[in-house]
Amino acid sequence: MKQYYVYMMCSNNRKALYIGVTNDLIRRVYEHKHGMIDGFTTKYNTKRLVYYDVTNDVECAITREKQLKNWRREKKEVLISEMNPEWKDLYLDMV
């Protein structure tokens, strides 16, 4: 069964947050970390995985991504802190 991930990347200074959806979290974060994705992540240097959620339903993942993108910054920070209080790079525990 396929899995889909909604994830948040942040810059080292925590000023920039990127929210995305993927079916291969490890590959996608690797692409962010190595500058393989042009646009927001390259411009704002969002290379630290600080949050992710997993589902088997792609529509649920897309809906959740849109929901999170519409949240205020403070609410996103609370969500991250609940899962990852130190805002450490969760990718390091996956590889």
N, C-alpha and C. Protein backbone atom coordinates (compact mmCIF):
# COMPACT_ATOMS: atom_id res chain seq x y z
N MET A 1 0.84 -1.19 0.00
CA MET A 1 0.00 0.00 0.00
C MET A 1 0.88 1.25 0.00
N LYS A 2 0.57 2.18 -0.86
CA LYS A 2 1.35 3.41 -0.95
C LYS A 2 1.12 4.31 0.26
N GLN A 3 2.16 5.07 0.58
CA GLN A 3 2.06 6.06 1.65
C GLN A 3 2.36 7.43 1.07
N TYR A 4 1.72 8.42 1.63
CA TYR A 4 1.91 9.80 1.21
C TYR A 4 2.23 10.63 2.45
N TYR A 5 3.12 11.58 2.27
CA TYR A 5 3.62 12.38 3.38
C TYR A 5 3.35 13.85 3.13
N VAL A 6 2.88 14.51 4.16
CA VAL A 6 2.83 15.97 4.21
C VAL A 6 3.97 16.35 5.13
N TYR A 7 4.81 17.27 4.69
CA TYR A 7 6.02 17.55 5.46
C TYR A 7 6.31 19.04 5.49
N MET A 8 7.11 19.44 6.49
CA MET A 8 7.56 20.82 6.60
C MET A 8 9.08 20.83 6.71
N MET A 9 9.65 21.70 5.93
CA MET A 9 11.08 21.96 5.97
C MET A 9 11.26 23.39 6.50
N CYS A 10 12.34 23.63 7.21
CA CYS A 10 12.61 25.00 7.65
C CYS A 10 14.07 25.35 7.38
N SER A 11 14.31 26.63 7.38
CA SER A 11 15.68 27.13 7.24
C SER A 11 16.37 27.02 8.59
N ASN A 12 17.69 27.18 8.60
CA ASN A 12 18.44 27.05 9.86
C ASN A 12 18.01 28.08 10.90
N ASN A 13 17.62 29.26 10.45
CA ASN A 13 17.21 30.30 11.40
C ASN A 13 15.72 30.24 11.72
N ARG A 14 15.02 29.25 11.17
CA ARG A 14 13.59 29.01 11.39
C ARG A 14 12.68 30.09 10.82
N LYS A 15 13.21 31.00 10.04
CA LYS A 15 12.37 32.07 9.50
C LYS A 15 11.51 31.62 8.34
N ALA A 16 11.99 30.66 7.57
CA ALA A 16 11.25 30.19 6.40
C ALA A 16 10.75 28.77 6.63
N LEU A 17 9.49 28.54 6.29
CA LEU A 17 8.89 27.21 6.35
C LEU A 17 8.37 26.83 4.97
N TYR A 18 8.64 25.60 4.58
CA TYR A 18 8.12 25.08 3.31
C TYR A 18 7.25 23.88 3.63
N ILE A 19 6.08 23.80 3.02
CA ILE A 19 5.17 22.68 3.21
C ILE A 19 4.98 21.99 1.87
N GLY A 20 5.11 20.67 1.87
CA GLY A 20 4.95 19.92 0.63
C GLY A 20 4.31 18.57 0.88
N VAL A 21 4.06 17.86 -0.21
CA VAL A 21 3.49 16.51 -0.15
C VAL A 21 4.29 15.62 -1.11
N THR A 22 4.51 14.36 -0.72
CA THR A 22 5.29 13.44 -1.54
C THR A 22 4.90 12.00 -1.21
N ASN A 23 5.27 11.10 -2.10
CA ASN A 23 5.07 9.68 -1.82
C ASN A 23 6.38 8.99 -1.44
N ASP A 24 7.48 9.76 -1.38
CA ASP A 24 8.79 9.22 -0.98
C ASP A 24 9.52 10.31 -0.19
N LEU A 25 9.31 10.30 1.10
CA LEU A 25 9.83 11.38 1.95
C LEU A 25 11.35 11.44 1.96
N ILE A 26 12.01 10.31 2.06
CA ILE A 26 13.48 10.31 2.12
C ILE A 26 14.06 10.90 0.83
N ARG A 27 13.56 10.46 -0.31
CA ARG A 27 14.05 10.99 -1.59
C ARG A 27 13.79 12.49 -1.70
N ARG A 28 12.58 12.91 -1.31
CA ARG A 28 12.21 14.31 -1.46
C ARG A 28 13.06 15.22 -0.56
N VAL A 29 13.28 14.79 0.67
CA VAL A 29 14.11 15.61 1.57
C VAL A 29 15.54 15.65 1.06
N TYR A 30 16.03 14.55 0.55
CA TYR A 30 17.37 14.52 -0.05
C TYR A 30 17.46 15.58 -1.16
N GLU A 31 16.44 15.64 -1.99
CA GLU A 31 16.42 16.63 -3.07
C GLU A 31 16.45 18.06 -2.52
N HIS A 32 15.70 18.31 -1.45
CA HIS A 32 15.74 19.64 -0.81
C HIS A 32 17.14 19.94 -0.29
N LYS A 33 17.72 18.99 0.42
CA LYS A 33 19.02 19.20 1.04
C LYS A 33 20.15 19.43 0.04
N HIS A 34 20.02 18.87 -1.13
CA HIS A 34 21.08 18.99 -2.13
C HIS A 34 20.76 19.99 -3.24
N GLY A 35 19.81 20.86 -2.98
CA GLY A 35 19.50 21.95 -3.91
C GLY A 35 19.00 21.49 -5.26
N MET A 36 18.35 20.34 -5.29
CA MET A 36 17.87 19.78 -6.56
C MET A 36 16.49 20.32 -6.94
N ILE A 37 15.91 21.14 -6.08
CA ILE A 37 14.57 21.68 -6.31
C ILE A 37 14.69 23.20 -6.40
N ASP A 38 14.44 23.73 -7.57
CA ASP A 38 14.48 25.17 -7.75
C ASP A 38 13.25 25.80 -7.12
N GLY A 39 13.37 27.06 -6.80
CA GLY A 39 12.22 27.78 -6.27
C GLY A 39 12.41 28.13 -4.80
N PHE A 40 11.31 28.02 -4.07
CA PHE A 40 11.26 28.46 -2.67
C PHE A 40 12.35 27.81 -1.82
N THR A 41 12.49 26.50 -1.92
CA THR A 41 13.44 25.81 -1.03
C THR A 41 14.88 26.23 -1.29
N THR A 42 15.21 26.48 -2.54
CA THR A 42 16.56 26.95 -2.86
C THR A 42 16.74 28.40 -2.42
N LYS A 43 15.76 29.22 -2.71
CA LYS A 43 15.85 30.65 -2.38
C LYS A 43 15.97 30.88 -0.87
N TYR A 44 15.20 30.12 -0.08
CA TYR A 44 15.15 30.35 1.36
C TYR A 44 15.92 29.30 2.17
N ASN A 45 16.62 28.41 1.47
CA ASN A 45 17.51 27.44 2.13
C ASN A 45 16.78 26.58 3.17
N THR A 46 15.63 26.08 2.80
CA THR A 46 14.86 25.23 3.71
C THR A 46 15.32 23.78 3.54
N LYS A 47 16.23 23.38 4.42
CA LYS A 47 16.88 22.07 4.29
C LYS A 47 16.71 21.18 5.50
N ARG A 48 15.94 21.62 6.49
CA ARG A 48 15.79 20.81 7.70
C ARG A 48 14.34 20.30 7.80
N LEU A 49 14.17 18.98 7.81
CA LEU A 49 12.85 18.36 7.97
C LEU A 49 12.45 18.45 9.44
N VAL A 50 11.39 19.21 9.73
CA VAL A 50 10.99 19.41 11.13
C VAL A 50 9.63 18.81 11.46
N TYR A 51 8.88 18.40 10.44
CA TYR A 51 7.55 17.83 10.68
C TYR A 51 7.16 16.97 9.49
N TYR A 52 6.45 15.88 9.78
CA TYR A 52 5.82 15.12 8.70
C TYR A 52 4.65 14.34 9.26
N ASP A 53 3.72 14.03 8.38
CA ASP A 53 2.55 13.24 8.70
C ASP A 53 2.39 12.26 7.56
N VAL A 54 1.85 11.08 7.84
CA VAL A 54 1.74 10.05 6.82
C VAL A 54 0.30 9.56 6.71
N THR A 55 -0.12 9.24 5.49
CA THR A 55 -1.44 8.70 5.23
C THR A 55 -1.37 7.77 4.03
N ASN A 56 -2.35 6.91 3.89
CA ASN A 56 -2.44 6.03 2.73
C ASN A 56 -3.30 6.61 1.62
N ASP A 57 -3.88 7.77 1.86
CA ASP A 57 -4.83 8.38 0.94
C ASP A 57 -4.24 9.67 0.36
N VAL A 58 -3.97 9.68 -0.93
CA VAL A 58 -3.35 10.84 -1.56
C VAL A 58 -4.24 12.09 -1.45
N GLU A 59 -5.55 11.91 -1.55
CA GLU A 59 -6.45 13.06 -1.43
C GLU A 59 -6.39 13.67 -0.03
N CYS A 60 -6.29 12.82 0.98
CA CYS A 60 -6.14 13.32 2.35
C CYS A 60 -4.84 14.10 2.51
N ALA A 61 -3.78 13.60 1.90
CA ALA A 61 -2.49 14.28 1.98
C ALA A 61 -2.56 15.66 1.33
N ILE A 62 -3.16 15.73 0.17
CA ILE A 62 -3.27 17.02 -0.53
C ILE A 62 -4.15 17.99 0.26
N THR A 63 -5.24 17.49 0.80
CA THR A 63 -6.13 18.33 1.61
C THR A 63 -5.39 18.86 2.84
N ARG A 64 -4.62 17.99 3.49
CA ARG A 64 -3.87 18.40 4.68
C ARG A 64 -2.81 19.44 4.32
N GLU A 65 -2.13 19.24 3.20
CA GLU A 65 -1.13 20.22 2.76
C GLU A 65 -1.77 21.58 2.59
N LYS A 66 -2.90 21.63 1.91
CA LYS A 66 -3.60 22.91 1.69
C LYS A 66 -4.04 23.53 3.02
N GLN A 67 -4.52 22.67 3.93
CA GLN A 67 -4.94 23.16 5.24
C GLN A 67 -3.77 23.82 5.97
N LEU A 68 -2.64 23.12 6.01
CA LEU A 68 -1.47 23.66 6.72
C LEU A 68 -0.97 24.94 6.08
N LYS A 69 -1.00 25.01 4.76
CA LYS A 69 -0.54 26.23 4.08
C LYS A 69 -1.41 27.43 4.42
N ASN A 70 -2.65 27.19 4.79
CA ASN A 70 -3.56 28.28 5.14
C ASN A 70 -3.49 28.68 6.61
N TRP A 71 -2.80 27.90 7.42
CA TRP A 71 -2.67 28.23 8.83
C TRP A 71 -1.75 29.42 9.03
N ARG A 72 -1.98 30.13 10.13
CA ARG A 72 -1.07 31.20 10.53
C ARG A 72 0.25 30.58 10.99
N ARG A 73 1.29 31.35 10.92
CA ARG A 73 2.64 30.90 11.29
C ARG A 73 2.67 30.31 12.71
N GLU A 74 2.02 30.98 13.65
CA GLU A 74 2.05 30.54 15.04
C GLU A 74 1.46 29.14 15.20
N LYS A 75 0.41 28.84 14.48
CA LYS A 75 -0.24 27.53 14.57
C LYS A 75 0.67 26.44 13.98
N LYS A 76 1.38 26.77 12.93
CA LYS A 76 2.34 25.83 12.34
C LYS A 76 3.47 25.54 13.33
N GLU A 77 3.94 26.57 14.00
CA GLU A 77 5.02 26.40 14.97
C GLU A 77 4.59 25.50 16.13
N VAL A 78 3.36 25.65 16.58
CA VAL A 78 2.85 24.79 17.65
C VAL A 78 2.80 23.34 17.19
N LEU A 79 2.31 23.11 15.98
CA LEU A 79 2.24 21.75 15.43
C LEU A 79 3.62 21.12 15.36
N ILE A 80 4.59 21.87 14.87
CA ILE A 80 5.97 21.36 14.79
C ILE A 80 6.50 21.05 16.19
N SER A 81 6.30 21.98 17.12
CA SER A 81 6.83 21.81 18.47
C SER A 81 6.20 20.63 19.21
N GLU A 82 4.95 20.31 18.89
CA GLU A 82 4.32 19.15 19.52
C GLU A 82 4.97 17.85 19.07
N MET A 83 5.35 17.77 17.81
CA MET A 83 5.98 16.56 17.28
C MET A 83 7.49 16.57 17.51
N ASN A 84 8.07 17.74 17.46
CA ASN A 84 9.52 17.88 17.42
C ASN A 84 9.93 19.10 18.24
N PRO A 85 9.89 19.01 19.56
CA PRO A 85 10.12 20.18 20.43
C PRO A 85 11.43 20.92 20.18
N GLU A 86 12.46 20.20 19.76
CA GLU A 86 13.76 20.83 19.55
C GLU A 86 13.95 21.30 18.10
N TRP A 87 12.96 21.06 17.26
CA TRP A 87 13.04 21.39 15.84
C TRP A 87 14.29 20.78 15.22
N LYS A 88 14.62 19.57 15.65
CA LYS A 88 15.79 18.90 15.07
C LYS A 88 15.46 18.39 13.67
N ASP A 89 16.47 18.06 12.92
CA ASP A 89 16.30 17.56 11.57
C ASP A 89 15.90 16.09 11.63
N LEU A 90 14.62 15.80 11.41
CA LEU A 90 14.10 14.43 11.51
C LEU A 90 14.66 13.51 10.42
N TYR A 91 15.14 14.08 9.35
CA TYR A 91 15.74 13.28 8.28
C TYR A 91 16.93 12.47 8.78
N LEU A 92 17.68 13.04 9.71
CA LEU A 92 18.87 12.37 10.22
C LEU A 92 18.54 11.05 10.92
N ASP A 93 17.34 10.92 11.45
CA ASP A 93 16.93 9.69 12.10
C ASP A 93 16.41 8.66 11.09
N MET A 94 16.17 9.08 9.87
CA MET A 94 15.61 8.18 8.84
C MET A 94 16.66 7.50 8.00
N VAL A 95 17.82 8.10 7.87
CA VAL A 95 18.85 7.55 6.99
C VAL A 95 19.96 6.89 7.78
